[in-house]
Amino acid sequence: MKKDIRQFTDRKAQIVVIAPHEKAKVEAYWEKENLPFIGIPDPDGKLGKLYGQEWNLIKMGRMPALFIIDKKSAIVFSQYAKNMADIPENNELFEVLDRST
């Protein structure tokens, strides 16, 4: 997402990442990687649980989940990953964003 941030912002999309770590770790990682989007610490998984995000220690922890929420607060896209690499391509997300504007 970082490499295509301009294409997201051109579509008026705001990227928010909920990270399963303490605040200090999230801040340090965001600074180190110079991430151009919001990072929210969720060390106890409360936010992840609200959205039904799977937690699986065998698969390295919390499985990725991705949502696109429109201006009316409706979820117009959701994807629950089966593993850590199961993430949609940005072009697929751009198509959803283009349809939901």
PDB file of N, CA and C in Angstrom:
ATOM      1  N   MET A   1       0.812  -1.192   0.000  1.00  0.00           N
ATOM      2  CA  MET A   1       0.000   0.000   0.000  1.00  0.00           C
ATOM      3  C   MET A   1       0.858   1.260   0.000  1.00  0.00           C
ATOM      4  N   LYS A   2       1.990   1.175   0.664  1.00  0.00           N
ATOM      5  CA  LYS A   2       2.858   2.353   0.751  1.00  0.00           C
ATOM      6  C   LYS A   2       3.277   2.828  -0.632  1.00  0.00           C
ATOM      7  N   LYS A   3       3.650   1.903  -1.506  1.00  0.00           N
ATOM      8  CA  LYS A   3       4.133   2.307  -2.829  1.00  0.00           C
ATOM      9  C   LYS A   3       3.042   2.948  -3.688  1.00  0.00           C
ATOM     10  N   ASP A   4       1.791   2.643  -3.388  1.00  0.00           N
ATOM     11  CA  ASP A   4       0.676   3.182  -4.156  1.00  0.00           C
ATOM     12  C   ASP A   4      -0.141   4.202  -3.365  1.00  0.00           C
ATOM     13  N   ILE A   5       0.459   4.786  -2.349  1.00  0.00           N
ATOM     14  CA  ILE A   5      -0.298   5.689  -1.471  1.00  0.00           C
ATOM     15  C   ILE A   5      -0.955   6.823  -2.257  1.00  0.00           C
ATOM     16  N   ARG A   6      -0.283   7.314  -3.262  1.00  0.00           N
ATOM     17  CA  ARG A   6      -0.839   8.423  -4.061  1.00  0.00           C
ATOM     18  C   ARG A   6      -2.144   8.010  -4.742  1.00  0.00           C
ATOM     19  N   GLN A   7      -2.189   6.777  -5.252  1.00  0.00           N
ATOM     20  CA  GLN A   7      -3.408   6.303  -5.911  1.00  0.00           C
ATOM     21  C   GLN A   7      -4.559   6.144  -4.913  1.00  0.00           C
ATOM     22  N   PHE A   8      -4.224   5.791  -3.672  1.00  0.00           N
ATOM     23  CA  PHE A   8      -5.261   5.717  -2.645  1.00  0.00           C
ATOM     24  C   PHE A   8      -5.746   7.119  -2.281  1.00  0.00           C
ATOM     25  N   THR A   9      -4.817   8.032  -2.032  1.00  0.00           N
ATOM     26  CA  THR A   9      -5.220   9.376  -1.616  1.00  0.00           C
ATOM     27  C   THR A   9      -5.936  10.127  -2.743  1.00  0.00           C
ATOM     28  N   ASP A  10      -5.560   9.870  -3.989  1.00  0.00           N
ATOM     29  CA  ASP A  10      -6.272  10.474  -5.114  1.00  0.00           C
ATOM     30  C   ASP A  10      -7.743  10.055  -5.127  1.00  0.00           C
ATOM     31  N   ARG A  11      -8.015   8.887  -4.581  1.00  0.00           N
ATOM     32  CA  ARG A  11      -9.389   8.373  -4.488  1.00  0.00           C
ATOM     33  C   ARG A  11     -10.052   8.764  -3.164  1.00  0.00           C
ATOM     34  N   LYS A  12      -9.410   9.640  -2.427  1.00  0.00           N
ATOM     35  CA  LYS A  12      -9.909  10.113  -1.125  1.00  0.00           C
ATOM     36  C   LYS A  12      -9.997   8.987  -0.097  1.00  0.00           C
ATOM     37  N   ALA A  13      -9.165   7.964  -0.242  1.00  0.00           N
ATOM     38  CA  ALA A  13      -9.137   6.849   0.703  1.00  0.00           C
ATOM     39  C   ALA A  13      -8.183   7.170   1.851  1.00  0.00           C
ATOM     40  N   GLN A  14      -8.577   6.826   3.036  1.00  0.00           N
ATOM     41  CA  GLN A  14      -7.740   6.964   4.226  1.00  0.00           C
ATOM     42  C   GLN A  14      -7.382   5.555   4.683  1.00  0.00           C
ATOM     43  N   ILE A  15      -6.109   5.235   4.729  1.00  0.00           N
ATOM     44  CA  ILE A  15      -5.669   3.912   5.152  1.00  0.00           C
ATOM     45  C   ILE A  15      -5.384   3.945   6.642  1.00  0.00           C
ATOM     46  N   VAL A  16      -5.962   2.978   7.337  1.00  0.00           N
ATOM     47  CA  VAL A  16      -5.752   2.828   8.767  1.00  0.00           C
ATOM     48  C   VAL A  16      -5.369   1.374   9.013  1.00  0.00           C
ATOM     49  N   VAL A  17      -4.252   1.182   9.693  1.00  0.00           N
ATOM     50  CA  VAL A  17      -3.778  -0.163  10.001  1.00  0.00           C
ATOM     51  C   VAL A  17      -3.916  -0.386  11.501  1.00  0.00           C
ATOM     52  N   ILE A  18      -4.583  -1.467  11.853  1.00  0.00           N
ATOM     53  CA  ILE A  18      -4.704  -1.845  13.259  1.00  0.00           C
ATOM     54  C   ILE A  18      -3.647  -2.913  13.503  1.00  0.00           C
ATOM     55  N   ALA A  19      -2.683  -2.575  14.346  1.00  0.00           N
ATOM     56  CA  ALA A  19      -1.527  -3.445  14.575  1.00  0.00           C
ATOM     57  C   ALA A  19      -1.645  -4.162  15.922  1.00  0.00           C
ATOM     58  N   PRO A  20      -1.304  -5.450  15.960  1.00  0.00           N
ATOM     59  CA  PRO A  20      -1.436  -6.228  17.197  1.00  0.00           C
ATOM     60  C   PRO A  20      -0.260  -6.031  18.151  1.00  0.00           C
ATOM     61  N   HIS A  21       0.120  -4.786  18.385  1.00  0.00           N
ATOM     62  CA  HIS A  21       1.292  -4.487  19.211  1.00  0.00           C
ATOM     63  C   HIS A  21       1.001  -3.302  20.124  1.00  0.00           C
ATOM     64  N   GLU A  22       1.877  -3.107  21.090  1.00  0.00           N
ATOM     65  CA  GLU A  22       1.801  -1.956  21.991  1.00  0.00           C
ATOM     66  C   GLU A  22       2.121  -0.671  21.223  1.00  0.00           C
ATOM     67  N   LYS A  23       1.680   0.457  21.781  1.00  0.00           N
ATOM     68  CA  LYS A  23       1.845   1.760  21.145  1.00  0.00           C
ATOM     69  C   LYS A  23       3.296   2.066  20.786  1.00  0.00           C
ATOM     70  N   ALA A  24       4.234   1.838  21.694  1.00  0.00           N
ATOM     71  CA  ALA A  24       5.643   2.166  21.434  1.00  0.00           C
ATOM     72  C   ALA A  24       6.194   1.384  20.247  1.00  0.00           C
ATOM     73  N   LYS A  25       5.818   0.121  20.143  1.00  0.00           N
ATOM     74  CA  LYS A  25       6.298  -0.706  19.031  1.00  0.00           C
ATOM     75  C   LYS A  25       5.706  -0.231  17.704  1.00  0.00           C
ATOM     76  N   VAL A  26       4.438   0.121  17.719  1.00  0.00           N
ATOM     77  CA  VAL A  26       3.789   0.624  16.503  1.00  0.00           C
ATOM     78  C   VAL A  26       4.437   1.938  16.075  1.00  0.00           C
ATOM     79  N   GLU A  27       4.626   2.853  17.016  1.00  0.00           N
ATOM     80  CA  GLU A  27       5.252   4.136  16.685  1.00  0.00           C
ATOM     81  C   GLU A  27       6.655   3.948  16.123  1.00  0.00           C
ATOM     82  N   ALA A  28       7.434   3.070  16.740  1.00  0.00           N
ATOM     83  CA  ALA A  28       8.808   2.833  16.274  1.00  0.00           C
ATOM     84  C   ALA A  28       8.812   2.254  14.860  1.00  0.00           C
ATOM     85  N   TYR A  29       7.927   1.315  14.595  1.00  0.00           N
ATOM     86  CA  TYR A  29       7.874   0.694  13.264  1.00  0.00           C
ATOM     87  C   TYR A  29       7.421   1.706  12.216  1.00  0.00           C
ATOM     88  N   TRP A  30       6.406   2.490  12.548  1.00  0.00           N
ATOM     89  CA  TRP A  30       5.912   3.494  11.589  1.00  0.00           C
ATOM     90  C   TRP A  30       7.007   4.502  11.254  1.00  0.00           C
ATOM     91  N   GLU A  31       7.765   4.905  12.276  1.00  0.00           N
ATOM     92  CA  GLU A  31       8.849   5.851  12.042  1.00  0.00           C
ATOM     93  C   GLU A  31       9.965   5.217  11.215  1.00  0.00           C
ATOM     94  N   LYS A  32      10.368   4.017  11.582  1.00  0.00           N
ATOM     95  CA  LYS A  32      11.442   3.320  10.861  1.00  0.00           C
ATOM     96  C   LYS A  32      11.101   3.113   9.392  1.00  0.00           C
ATOM     97  N   GLU A  33       9.857   2.715   9.120  1.00  0.00           N
ATOM     98  CA  GLU A  33       9.427   2.423   7.749  1.00  0.00           C
ATOM     99  C   GLU A  33       8.855   3.639   7.029  1.00  0.00           C
ATOM    100  N   ASN A  34       8.741   4.772   7.742  1.00  0.00           N
ATOM    101  CA  ASN A  34       8.185   5.992   7.172  1.00  0.00           C
ATOM    102  C   ASN A  34       6.825   5.731   6.500  1.00  0.00           C
ATOM    103  N   LEU A  35       5.935   5.116   7.249  1.00  0.00           N
ATOM    104  CA  LEU A  35       4.628   4.746   6.702  1.00  0.00           C
ATOM    105  C   LEU A  35       3.705   5.955   6.632  1.00  0.00           C
ATOM    106  N   PRO A  36       3.082   6.169   5.466  1.00  0.00           N
ATOM    107  CA  PRO A  36       2.264   7.360   5.252  1.00  0.00           C
ATOM    108  C   PRO A  36       0.789   7.167   5.610  1.00  0.00           C
ATOM    109  N   PHE A  37       0.493   6.256   6.514  1.00  0.00           N
ATOM    110  CA  PHE A  37      -0.884   6.056   6.927  1.00  0.00           C
ATOM    111  C   PHE A  37      -0.937   5.852   8.440  1.00  0.00           C
ATOM    112  N   ILE A  38      -2.144   5.805   8.958  1.00  0.00           N
ATOM    113  CA  ILE A  38      -2.364   5.749  10.404  1.00  0.00           C
ATOM    114  C   ILE A  38      -2.149   4.328  10.918  1.00  0.00           C
ATOM    115  N   GLY A  39      -1.457   4.222  12.046  1.00  0.00           N
ATOM    116  CA  GLY A  39      -1.287   2.942  12.730  1.00  0.00           C
ATOM    117  C   GLY A  39      -1.927   3.011  14.108  1.00  0.00           C
ATOM    118  N   ILE A  40      -2.809   2.080  14.387  1.00  0.00           N
ATOM    119  CA  ILE A  40      -3.496   2.046  15.673  1.00  0.00           C
ATOM    120  C   ILE A  40      -3.067   0.798  16.435  1.00  0.00           C
ATOM    121  N   PRO A  41      -2.507   0.963  17.627  1.00  0.00           N
ATOM    122  CA  PRO A  41      -2.117  -0.199  18.427  1.00  0.00           C
ATOM    123  C   PRO A  41      -3.353  -0.952  18.935  1.00  0.00           C
ATOM    124  N   ASP A  42      -3.282  -2.277  18.883  1.00  0.00           N
ATOM    125  CA  ASP A  42      -4.365  -3.127  19.381  1.00  0.00           C
ATOM    126  C   ASP A  42      -3.751  -4.361  20.041  1.00  0.00           C
ATOM    127  N   PRO A  43      -2.965  -4.158  21.104  1.00  0.00           N
ATOM    128  CA  PRO A  43      -2.210  -5.265  21.686  1.00  0.00           C
ATOM    129  C   PRO A  43      -3.067  -6.382  22.268  1.00  0.00           C
ATOM    130  N   ASP A  44      -4.254  -6.060  22.750  1.00  0.00           N
ATOM    131  CA  ASP A  44      -5.098  -7.105  23.317  1.00  0.00           C
ATOM    132  C   ASP A  44      -6.132  -7.632  22.332  1.00  0.00           C
ATOM    133  N   GLY A  45      -6.126  -7.117  21.110  1.00  0.00           N
ATOM    134  CA  GLY A  45      -6.981  -7.637  20.049  1.00  0.00           C
ATOM    135  C   GLY A  45      -8.440  -7.226  20.106  1.00  0.00           C
ATOM    136  N   LYS A  46      -8.784  -6.225  20.893  1.00  0.00           N
ATOM    137  CA  LYS A  46     -10.194  -5.818  21.006  1.00  0.00           C
ATOM    138  C   LYS A  46     -10.779  -5.370  19.675  1.00  0.00           C
ATOM    139  N   LEU A  47     -10.042  -4.549  18.929  1.00  0.00           N
ATOM    140  CA  LEU A  47     -10.549  -4.088  17.630  1.00  0.00           C
ATOM    141  C   LEU A  47     -10.632  -5.245  16.637  1.00  0.00           C
ATOM    142  N   GLY A  48      -9.612  -6.083  16.630  1.00  0.00           N
ATOM    143  CA  GLY A  48      -9.626  -7.245  15.751  1.00  0.00           C
ATOM    144  C   GLY A  48     -10.825  -8.138  16.015  1.00  0.00           C
ATOM    145  N   LYS A  49     -11.147  -8.352  17.274  1.00  0.00           N
ATOM    146  CA  LYS A  49     -12.298  -9.186  17.642  1.00  0.00           C
ATOM    147  C   LYS A  49     -13.608  -8.559  17.171  1.00  0.00           C
ATOM    148  N   LEU A  50     -13.708  -7.234  17.262  1.00  0.00           N
ATOM    149  CA  LEU A  50     -14.927  -6.559  16.812  1.00  0.00           C
ATOM    150  C   LEU A  50     -15.233  -6.849  15.338  1.00  0.00           C
ATOM    151  N   TYR A  51     -14.185  -7.001  14.541  1.00  0.00           N
ATOM    152  CA  TYR A  51     -14.349  -7.244  13.106  1.00  0.00           C
ATOM    153  C   TYR A  51     -14.181  -8.715  12.731  1.00  0.00           C
ATOM    154  N   GLY A  52     -14.107  -9.593  13.723  1.00  0.00           N
ATOM    155  CA  GLY A  52     -14.039 -11.024  13.456  1.00  0.00           C
ATOM    156  C   GLY A  52     -12.712 -11.496  12.900  1.00  0.00           C
ATOM    157  N   GLN A  53     -11.657 -10.795  13.212  1.00  0.00           N
ATOM    158  CA  GLN A  53     -10.337 -11.164  12.705  1.00  0.00           C
ATOM    159  C   GLN A  53      -9.830 -12.418  13.414  1.00  0.00           C
ATOM    160  N   GLU A  54      -9.349 -13.373  12.631  1.00  0.00           N
ATOM    161  CA  GLU A  54      -8.881 -14.646  13.170  1.00  0.00           C
ATOM    162  C   GLU A  54      -7.531 -14.492  13.866  1.00  0.00           C
ATOM    163  N   TRP A  55      -7.409 -15.172  14.991  1.00  0.00           N
ATOM    164  CA  TRP A  55      -6.144 -15.243  15.726  1.00  0.00           C
ATOM    165  C   TRP A  55      -5.719 -16.701  15.720  1.00  0.00           C
ATOM    166  N   ASN A  56      -4.534 -16.979  15.164  1.00  0.00           N
ATOM    167  CA  ASN A  56      -4.087 -18.355  15.044  1.00  0.00           C
ATOM    168  C   ASN A  56      -2.585 -18.413  15.293  1.00  0.00           C
ATOM    169  N   LEU A  57      -2.194 -18.909  16.453  1.00  0.00           N
ATOM    170  CA  LEU A  57      -0.769 -18.967  16.800  1.00  0.00           C
ATOM    171  C   LEU A  57       0.028 -19.837  15.844  1.00  0.00           C
ATOM    172  N   ILE A  58      -0.575 -20.890  15.342  1.00  0.00           N
ATOM    173  CA  ILE A  58       0.124 -21.776  14.403  1.00  0.00           C
ATOM    174  C   ILE A  58       0.473 -21.035  13.113  1.00  0.00           C
ATOM    175  N   LYS A  59      -0.376 -20.093  12.716  1.00  0.00           N
ATOM    176  CA  LYS A  59      -0.159 -19.317  11.491  1.00  0.00           C
ATOM    177  C   LYS A  59       0.510 -17.974  11.778  1.00  0.00           C
ATOM    178  N   MET A  60       1.210 -17.843  12.892  1.00  0.00           N
ATOM    179  CA  MET A  60       1.981 -16.648  13.250  1.00  0.00           C
ATOM    180  C   MET A  60       1.155 -15.497  13.808  1.00  0.00           C
ATOM    181  N   GLY A  61       0.030 -15.772  14.438  1.00  0.00           N
ATOM    182  CA  GLY A  61      -0.701 -14.714  15.116  1.00  0.00           C
ATOM    183  C   GLY A  61      -1.972 -14.304  14.422  1.00  0.00           C
ATOM    184  N   ARG A  62      -2.229 -13.012  14.436  1.00  0.00           N
ATOM    185  CA  ARG A  62      -3.463 -12.482  13.874  1.00  0.00           C
ATOM    186  C   ARG A  62      -3.394 -12.496  12.354  1.00  0.00           C
ATOM    187  N   MET A  63      -4.391 -13.089  11.734  1.00  0.00           N
ATOM    188  CA  MET A  63      -4.451 -13.149  10.278  1.00  0.00           C
ATOM    189  C   MET A  63      -4.869 -11.782   9.726  1.00  0.00           C
ATOM    190  N   PRO A  64      -4.295 -11.381   8.596  1.00  0.00           N
ATOM    191  CA  PRO A  64      -4.690 -10.105   8.005  1.00  0.00           C
ATOM    192  C   PRO A  64      -6.182 -10.075   7.655  1.00  0.00           C
ATOM    193  N   ALA A  65      -6.772  -8.945   7.836  1.00  0.00           N
ATOM    194  CA  ALA A  65      -8.143  -8.686   7.400  1.00  0.00           C
ATOM    195  C   ALA A  65      -8.146  -7.287   6.814  1.00  0.00           C
ATOM    196  N   LEU A  66      -8.918  -7.096   5.768  1.00  0.00           N
ATOM    197  CA  LEU A  66      -8.941  -5.803   5.091  1.00  0.00           C
ATOM    198  C   LEU A  66     -10.383  -5.413   4.834  1.00  0.00           C
ATOM    199  N   PHE A  67     -10.698  -4.162   5.124  1.00  0.00           N
ATOM    200  CA  PHE A  67     -12.048  -3.649   4.917  1.00  0.00           C
ATOM    201  C   PHE A  67     -11.978  -2.311   4.193  1.00  0.00           C
ATOM    202  N   ILE A  68     -12.941  -2.102   3.316  1.00  0.00           N
ATOM    203  CA  ILE A  68     -13.140  -0.773   2.746  1.00  0.00           C
ATOM    204  C   ILE A  68     -14.495  -0.320   3.253  1.00  0.00           C
ATOM    205  N   ILE A  69     -14.478   0.821   3.942  1.00  0.00           N
ATOM    206  CA  ILE A  69     -15.680   1.381   4.536  1.00  0.00           C
ATOM    207  C   ILE A  69     -15.975   2.689   3.821  1.00  0.00           C
ATOM    208  N   ASP A  70     -17.198   2.811   3.296  1.00  0.00           N
ATOM    209  CA  ASP A  70     -17.515   4.006   2.518  1.00  0.00           C
ATOM    210  C   ASP A  70     -17.875   5.189   3.423  1.00  0.00           C
ATOM    211  N   LYS A  71     -18.192   6.310   2.813  1.00  0.00           N
ATOM    212  CA  LYS A  71     -18.480   7.544   3.553  1.00  0.00           C
ATOM    213  C   LYS A  71     -19.741   7.443   4.405  1.00  0.00           C
ATOM    214  N   LYS A  72     -20.581   6.447   4.133  1.00  0.00           N
ATOM    215  CA  LYS A  72     -21.797   6.237   4.918  1.00  0.00           C
ATOM    216  C   LYS A  72     -21.578   5.202   6.023  1.00  0.00           C
ATOM    217  N   SER A  73     -20.314   4.831   6.237  1.00  0.00           N
ATOM    218  CA  SER A  73     -19.912   3.855   7.264  1.00  0.00           C
ATOM    219  C   SER A  73     -20.343   2.427   6.951  1.00  0.00           C
ATOM    220  N   ALA A  74     -20.618   2.141   5.692  1.00  0.00           N
ATOM    221  CA  ALA A  74     -20.968   0.783   5.288  1.00  0.00           C
ATOM    222  C   ALA A  74     -19.708   0.058   4.811  1.00  0.00           C
ATOM    223  N   ILE A  75     -19.570  -1.189   5.195  1.00  0.00           N
ATOM    224  CA  ILE A  75     -18.452  -1.998   4.700  1.00  0.00           C
ATOM    225  C   ILE A  75     -18.798  -2.438   3.281  1.00  0.00           C
ATOM    226  N   VAL A  76     -18.030  -1.957   2.304  1.00  0.00           N
ATOM    227  CA  VAL A  76     -18.287  -2.286   0.903  1.00  0.00           C
ATOM    228  C   VAL A  76     -17.338  -3.358   0.379  1.00  0.00           C
ATOM    229  N   PHE A  77     -16.342  -3.705   1.182  1.00  0.00           N
ATOM    230  CA  PHE A  77     -15.407  -4.773   0.822  1.00  0.00           C
ATOM    231  C   PHE A  77     -14.817  -5.331   2.110  1.00  0.00           C
ATOM    232  N   SER A  78     -14.742  -6.649   2.178  1.00  0.00           N
ATOM    233  CA  SER A  78     -14.043  -7.281   3.296  1.00  0.00           C
ATOM    234  C   SER A  78     -13.314  -8.512   2.791  1.00  0.00           C
ATOM    235  N   GLN A  79     -12.166  -8.747   3.375  1.00  0.00           N
ATOM    236  CA  GLN A  79     -11.377  -9.917   3.000  1.00  0.00           C
ATOM    237  C   GLN A  79     -10.654 -10.405   4.243  1.00  0.00           C
ATOM    238  N   TYR A  80     -10.942 -11.645   4.618  1.00  0.00           N
ATOM    239  CA  TYR A  80     -10.278 -12.283   5.754  1.00  0.00           C
ATOM    240  C   TYR A  80      -9.247 -13.257   5.195  1.00  0.00           C
ATOM    241  N   ALA A  81      -7.995 -13.027   5.513  1.00  0.00           N
ATOM    242  CA  ALA A  81      -6.897 -13.830   4.952  1.00  0.00           C
ATOM    243  C   ALA A  81      -6.872 -15.234   5.547  1.00  0.00           C
ATOM    244  N   LYS A  82      -6.416 -16.165   4.716  1.00  0.00           N
ATOM    245  CA  LYS A  82      -6.228 -17.544   5.160  1.00  0.00           C
ATOM    246  C   LYS A  82      -4.812 -17.769   5.689  1.00  0.00           C
ATOM    247  N   ASN A  83      -3.887 -16.856   5.314  1.00  0.00           N
ATOM    248  CA  ASN A  83      -2.503 -16.901   5.793  1.00  0.00           C
ATOM    249  C   ASN A  83      -1.924 -15.486   5.691  1.00  0.00           C
ATOM    250  N   MET A  84      -0.696 -15.323   6.135  1.00  0.00           N
ATOM    251  CA  MET A  84      -0.096 -13.984   6.189  1.00  0.00           C
ATOM    252  C   MET A  84       0.127 -13.348   4.807  1.00  0.00           C
ATOM    253  N   ALA A  85       0.205 -14.156   3.758  1.00  0.00           N
ATOM    254  CA  ALA A  85       0.446 -13.627   2.412  1.00  0.00           C
ATOM    255  C   ALA A  85      -0.844 -13.437   1.612  1.00  0.00           C
ATOM    256  N   ASP A  86      -1.962 -13.783   2.184  1.00  0.00           N
ATOM    257  CA  ASP A  86      -3.249 -13.716   1.498  1.00  0.00           C
ATOM    258  C   ASP A  86      -3.810 -12.301   1.591  1.00  0.00           C
ATOM    259  N   ILE A  87      -3.295 -11.434   0.735  1.00  0.00           N
ATOM    260  CA  ILE A  87      -3.666 -10.020   0.749  1.00  0.00           C
ATOM    261  C   ILE A  87      -4.036  -9.615  -0.677  1.00  0.00           C
ATOM    262  N   PRO A  88      -5.166  -8.925  -0.862  1.00  0.00           N
ATOM    263  CA  PRO A  88      -5.568  -8.540  -2.219  1.00  0.00           C
ATOM    264  C   PRO A  88      -4.575  -7.565  -2.859  1.00  0.00           C
ATOM    265  N   GLU A  89      -4.503  -7.621  -4.160  1.00  0.00           N
ATOM    266  CA  GLU A  89      -3.677  -6.678  -4.916  1.00  0.00           C
ATOM    267  C   GLU A  89      -4.314  -5.288  -4.839  1.00  0.00           C
ATOM    268  N   ASN A  90      -3.487  -4.276  -4.870  1.00  0.00           N
ATOM    269  CA  ASN A  90      -3.992  -2.908  -4.795  1.00  0.00           C
ATOM    270  C   ASN A  90      -4.960  -2.589  -5.925  1.00  0.00           C
ATOM    271  N   ASN A  91      -4.728  -3.129  -7.114  1.00  0.00           N
ATOM    272  CA  ASN A  91      -5.627  -2.856  -8.240  1.00  0.00           C
ATOM    273  C   ASN A  91      -7.049  -3.304  -7.942  1.00  0.00           C
ATOM    274  N   GLU A  92      -7.196  -4.422  -7.239  1.00  0.00           N
ATOM    275  CA  GLU A  92      -8.529  -4.883  -6.838  1.00  0.00           C
ATOM    276  C   GLU A  92      -9.176  -3.872  -5.890  1.00  0.00           C
ATOM    277  N   LEU A  93      -8.378  -3.326  -4.988  1.00  0.00           N
ATOM    278  CA  LEU A  93      -8.896  -2.335  -4.047  1.00  0.00           C
ATOM    279  C   LEU A  93      -9.268  -1.040  -4.764  1.00  0.00           C
ATOM    280  N   PHE A  94      -8.470  -0.646  -5.748  1.00  0.00           N
ATOM    281  CA  PHE A  94      -8.785   0.558  -6.522  1.00  0.00           C
ATOM    282  C   PHE A  94     -10.128   0.405  -7.235  1.00  0.00           C
ATOM    283  N   GLU A  95     -10.394  -0.782  -7.776  1.00  0.00           N
ATOM    284  CA  GLU A  95     -11.673  -1.033  -8.455  1.00  0.00           C
ATOM    285  C   GLU A  95     -12.840  -0.861  -7.486  1.00  0.00           C
ATOM    286  N   VAL A  96     -12.698  -1.394  -6.283  1.00  0.00           N
ATOM    287  CA  VAL A  96     -13.752  -1.245  -5.271  1.00  0.00           C
ATOM    288  C   VAL A  96     -13.934   0.226  -4.915  1.00  0.00           C
ATOM    289  N   LEU A  97     -12.827   0.920  -4.697  1.00  0.00           N
ATOM    290  CA  LEU A  97     -12.912   2.342  -4.360  1.00  0.00           C
ATOM    291  C   LEU A  97     -13.578   3.140  -5.476  1.00  0.00           C
ATOM    292  N   ASP A  98     -13.232   2.838  -6.710  1.00  0.00           N
ATOM    293  CA  ASP A  98     -13.806   3.561  -7.845  1.00  0.00           C
ATOM    294  C   ASP A  98     -15.315   3.323  -7.951  1.00  0.00           C
ATOM    295  N   ARG A  99     -15.742   2.112  -7.615  1.00  0.00           N
ATOM    296  CA  ARG A  99     -17.186   1.804  -7.672  1.00  0.00           C
ATOM    297  C   ARG A  99     -17.967   2.428  -6.513  1.00  0.00           C
ATOM    298  N   SER A 100     -17.297   2.641  -5.381  1.00  0.00           N
ATOM    299  CA  SER A 100     -18.022   3.095  -4.193  1.00  0.00           C
ATOM    300  C   SER A 100     -18.036   4.610  -4.016  1.00  0.00           C
ATOM    301  N   THR A 101     -17.525   5.342  -4.984  1.00  0.00           N
ATOM    302  CA  THR A 101     -17.541   6.808  -4.849  1.00  0.00           C
ATOM    303  C   THR A 101     -18.764   7.411  -5.478  1.00  0.00           C
TER     304      THR A 101
END
